[in-house]
Amino acid sequence: MDDLADRLNQIMDQKGIKASQIADATGITRPVMSRYLANRSGISSENLIKLSQYLNVSPDWLLNGSDAPESVKVSKSVSRV
């Protein structure tokens, strides 16, 4: 099952971003980023917002992997004729 650490690593790989870059840009300390990436720490709502804004993903996606784009939701629930 994917968790916050998995999703952070996934989006960082996709965007070619390092944890140190995220830390520097968001003000989240490097040790805290390290704990998030190792899945050794829960995330504060403040840091969740900072990460989601910087990475351009929804907070809900970071937390639990849901919140697919609307186009995906529609295509799954409506058959095209």
Protein backbone atom coordinates (compact mmCIF):
# COMPACT_ATOMS: atom_id res chain seq x y z
CA MET A 1 0.00 0.00 0.00
CA ASP A 2 1.28 3.45 -0.89
CA ASP A 3 1.87 5.92 1.89
CA LEU A 4 3.04 9.51 2.16
CA ALA A 5 6.68 8.48 1.74
CA ASP A 6 5.90 6.46 -1.41
CA ARG A 7 3.93 9.30 -2.97
CA LEU A 8 6.58 11.90 -2.09
CA ASN A 9 9.28 9.74 -3.64
CA GLN A 10 7.12 9.12 -6.70
CA ILE A 11 6.40 12.80 -7.38
CA MET A 12 10.00 13.77 -6.66
CA ASP A 13 11.20 11.21 -9.22
CA GLN A 14 8.67 12.40 -11.79
CA LYS A 15 9.63 16.04 -11.37
CA GLY A 16 13.36 15.46 -10.87
CA ILE A 17 13.31 17.25 -7.52
CA LYS A 18 15.52 16.46 -4.53
CA ALA A 19 14.38 16.58 -0.90
CA SER A 20 16.90 19.33 -0.20
CA GLN A 21 15.31 21.49 -2.92
CA ILE A 22 11.88 20.99 -1.40
CA ALA A 23 13.19 21.78 2.07
CA ASP A 24 14.89 24.96 0.91
CA ALA A 25 11.87 26.14 -1.09
CA THR A 26 9.21 25.37 1.53
CA GLY A 27 11.01 26.10 4.77
CA ILE A 28 10.50 22.52 5.94
CA THR A 29 13.73 21.46 7.61
CA ARG A 30 15.86 18.79 5.98
CA PRO A 31 15.59 16.44 8.99
CA VAL A 32 11.79 16.68 8.85
CA MET A 33 11.82 15.97 5.10
CA SER A 34 14.04 12.99 5.78
CA ARG A 35 11.56 11.65 8.33
CA TYR A 36 8.67 12.08 5.88
CA LEU A 37 10.59 10.23 3.16
CA ALA A 38 11.45 7.41 5.56
CA ASN A 39 7.84 7.24 6.77
CA ARG A 40 8.98 7.88 10.35
CA SER A 41 6.81 10.88 11.05
CA GLY A 42 3.28 12.12 10.62
CA ILE A 43 2.86 15.35 8.73
CA SER A 44 1.48 18.60 10.09
CA SER A 45 -1.32 20.29 8.18
CA GLU A 46 0.94 23.30 7.60
CA ASN A 47 3.67 21.17 6.02
CA LEU A 48 1.11 19.19 4.04
CA ILE A 49 -0.12 22.42 2.44
CA LYS A 50 3.43 23.62 1.76
CA LEU A 51 4.35 20.33 0.08
CA SER A 52 1.19 20.08 -1.97
CA GLN A 53 1.55 23.64 -3.23
CA TYR A 54 5.23 23.25 -4.08
CA LEU A 55 4.71 19.88 -5.79
CA ASN A 56 1.47 21.00 -7.45
CA VAL A 57 -0.56 18.05 -6.15
CA SER A 58 -3.57 17.94 -3.86
CA PRO A 59 -3.11 17.47 -0.11
CA ASP A 60 -5.55 14.57 -0.31
CA TRP A 61 -3.37 12.81 -2.87
CA LEU A 62 -0.28 13.22 -0.68
CA LEU A 63 -2.11 11.83 2.36
CA ASN A 64 -3.98 8.89 0.87
CA GLY A 65 -3.49 8.72 -2.88
CA SER A 66 -7.05 9.71 -3.73
CA ASP A 67 -8.39 12.80 -5.45
CA ALA A 68 -7.85 11.73 -9.04
CA PRO A 69 -8.30 14.45 -11.63
CA GLU A 70 -11.92 15.04 -12.62
CA SER A 71 -11.32 13.75 -16.15
CA VAL A 72 -10.25 10.38 -14.73
CA LYS A 73 -13.25 10.21 -12.39
CA VAL A 74 -15.66 10.98 -15.24
CA SER A 75 -14.12 8.50 -17.66
CA LYS A 76 -14.33 5.73 -15.06
CA SER A 77 -17.96 6.35 -14.18
CA VAL A 78 -19.44 7.29 -17.56
CA SER A 79 -19.24 5.03 -20.57
CA ARG A 80 -18.74 6.73 -23.88
CA VAL A 81 -20.99 5.74 -26.74
